[in-house]
């Protein structure tokens, strides 16, 4: 049994009405995270000099002293995911404009956005 064309149209309109606000909300959340962040402290091993740059195009750069590492990033609710070129994923927590990232070998690093 085939659906009537008007039912298909109505279903499509309803789906668009549900999906578009979700997409706008996600894009807005993504844009709010764009910027440069500096490490405030490290839970293990003391302080380090590190920055995290999040670009609007979903690309980013992790910099520590003389080493830089590119990555892709995305946000889902209060979780940020950094996707490394080798296929690894580092998940961090977003809390009031700060990012907590568990970095292997360094522990959890708290990054605060530059003003």
Protein backbone atom coordinates (compact mmCIF):
# COMPACT_ATOMS: atom_id res chain seq x y z
CA UNK A 1 0.00 0.00 0.00
CA UNK A 2 1.49 3.35 -1.06
CA UNK A 3 1.13 6.54 0.95
CA UNK A 4 -0.92 9.37 -0.47
CA UNK A 5 1.31 12.20 -1.85
CA UNK A 6 -0.08 14.75 0.62
CA UNK A 7 0.82 12.48 3.55
CA UNK A 8 4.39 12.21 2.21
CA UNK A 9 4.59 16.00 1.91
CA UNK A 10 3.22 16.55 5.41
CA UNK A 11 5.67 14.02 6.84
CA UNK A 12 8.57 15.75 5.07
CA UNK A 13 7.53 19.16 6.38
CA UNK A 14 7.23 17.85 9.95
CA UNK A 15 10.66 16.22 9.75
CA UNK A 16 12.22 19.43 8.44
CA UNK A 17 10.57 21.42 11.23
CA UNK A 18 12.16 19.06 13.76
CA UNK A 19 15.60 18.74 12.17
CA UNK A 20 16.35 22.37 11.23
CA UNK A 21 16.17 23.78 14.80
CA UNK A 22 18.43 20.95 15.99
CA UNK A 23 20.97 21.77 13.28
CA UNK A 24 20.87 25.49 14.11
CA UNK A 25 21.31 24.73 17.82
CA UNK A 26 24.30 22.48 17.12
CA UNK A 27 25.91 25.08 14.82
CA UNK A 28 25.38 27.79 17.45
CA UNK A 29 26.97 25.59 20.12
CA UNK A 30 29.90 24.87 17.80
CA UNK A 31 30.44 28.58 17.06
CA UNK A 32 30.45 29.48 20.76
CA UNK A 33 33.46 27.19 21.29
CA UNK A 34 35.62 28.77 18.56
CA UNK A 35 38.68 30.51 19.96
CA UNK A 36 42.06 30.04 21.60
CA UNK A 37 42.41 28.34 24.99
CA UNK A 38 45.35 28.16 27.41
CA UNK A 39 46.11 25.40 29.89
CA UNK A 40 45.50 26.50 33.48
CA UNK A 41 46.76 23.46 35.34
CA UNK A 42 47.51 19.78 35.12
CA UNK A 43 46.35 17.24 37.68
CA UNK A 44 49.47 15.06 37.27
CA UNK A 45 53.04 16.16 36.66
CA UNK A 46 52.72 19.90 37.36
CA UNK A 47 52.12 22.79 34.99
CA UNK A 48 52.72 22.85 31.27
CA UNK A 49 52.57 25.54 28.61
CA UNK A 50 49.86 24.42 26.21
CA UNK A 51 47.29 26.04 23.94
CA UNK A 52 44.27 24.73 22.13
CA UNK A 53 42.97 26.63 19.08
CA UNK A 54 39.48 25.78 17.82
CA UNK A 55 38.62 27.13 14.37
CA UNK A 56 35.11 27.68 12.96
CA UNK A 57 35.72 25.16 10.17
CA UNK A 58 36.00 22.29 12.70
CA UNK A 59 39.80 22.19 12.58
CA UNK A 60 42.09 22.87 15.47
CA UNK A 61 45.67 22.93 16.67
CA UNK A 62 47.12 21.64 19.96
CA UNK A 63 50.40 23.40 20.80
CA UNK A 64 52.78 22.47 23.59
CA UNK A 65 56.12 24.28 23.86
CA UNK A 66 57.73 23.48 20.46
CA UNK A 67 55.31 20.79 19.22
CA UNK A 68 52.03 21.30 17.32
CA UNK A 69 49.38 18.71 16.53
CA UNK A 70 46.44 19.33 14.20
CA UNK A 71 43.02 17.77 14.81
CA UNK A 72 39.36 17.99 13.84
CA UNK A 73 36.78 18.75 16.51
CA UNK A 74 33.07 18.55 17.15
CA UNK A 75 30.70 19.24 20.02
CA UNK A 76 27.75 17.21 21.30
CA UNK A 77 25.99 18.75 24.29
CA UNK A 78 28.74 19.33 26.88
CA UNK A 79 31.27 16.95 25.29
CA UNK A 80 33.98 18.04 22.86
CA UNK A 81 35.74 15.43 20.74
CA UNK A 82 39.18 15.98 19.26
CA UNK A 83 39.85 13.67 16.30
CA UNK A 84 43.56 13.12 15.65
CA UNK A 85 44.98 12.46 12.16
CA UNK A 86 45.90 8.91 13.25
CA UNK A 87 42.27 8.13 14.07
CA UNK A 88 42.33 8.61 17.83
CA UNK A 89 39.62 10.51 19.66
CA UNK A 90 40.05 12.50 22.87
CA UNK A 91 36.81 13.40 24.63
CA UNK A 92 36.70 16.38 26.93
CA UNK A 93 34.08 18.07 29.08
CA UNK A 94 32.86 21.62 28.42
CA UNK A 95 32.00 23.55 31.59
CA UNK A 96 31.25 27.29 31.62
CA UNK A 97 33.55 28.13 28.72
CA UNK A 98 36.37 25.90 29.96
CA UNK A 99 37.44 22.55 28.53
CA UNK A 100 38.75 19.63 30.60
CA UNK A 101 40.79 17.24 28.46
CA UNK A 102 42.36 13.97 29.61
CA UNK A 103 45.71 13.92 27.81
CA UNK A 104 47.55 10.58 27.85
CA UNK A 105 50.72 10.84 29.92
CA UNK A 106 49.80 14.28 31.28
CA UNK A 107 46.50 13.76 33.08
CA UNK A 108 43.49 16.06 32.90
CA UNK A 109 44.28 19.54 31.63
CA UNK A 110 41.91 22.46 32.18
CA UNK A 111 41.81 24.93 29.29
CA UNK A 112 40.31 28.40 29.65
CA UNK A 113 39.42 30.58 26.67
CA UNK A 114 41.45 33.75 26.13
CA UNK A 115 39.40 36.90 26.56
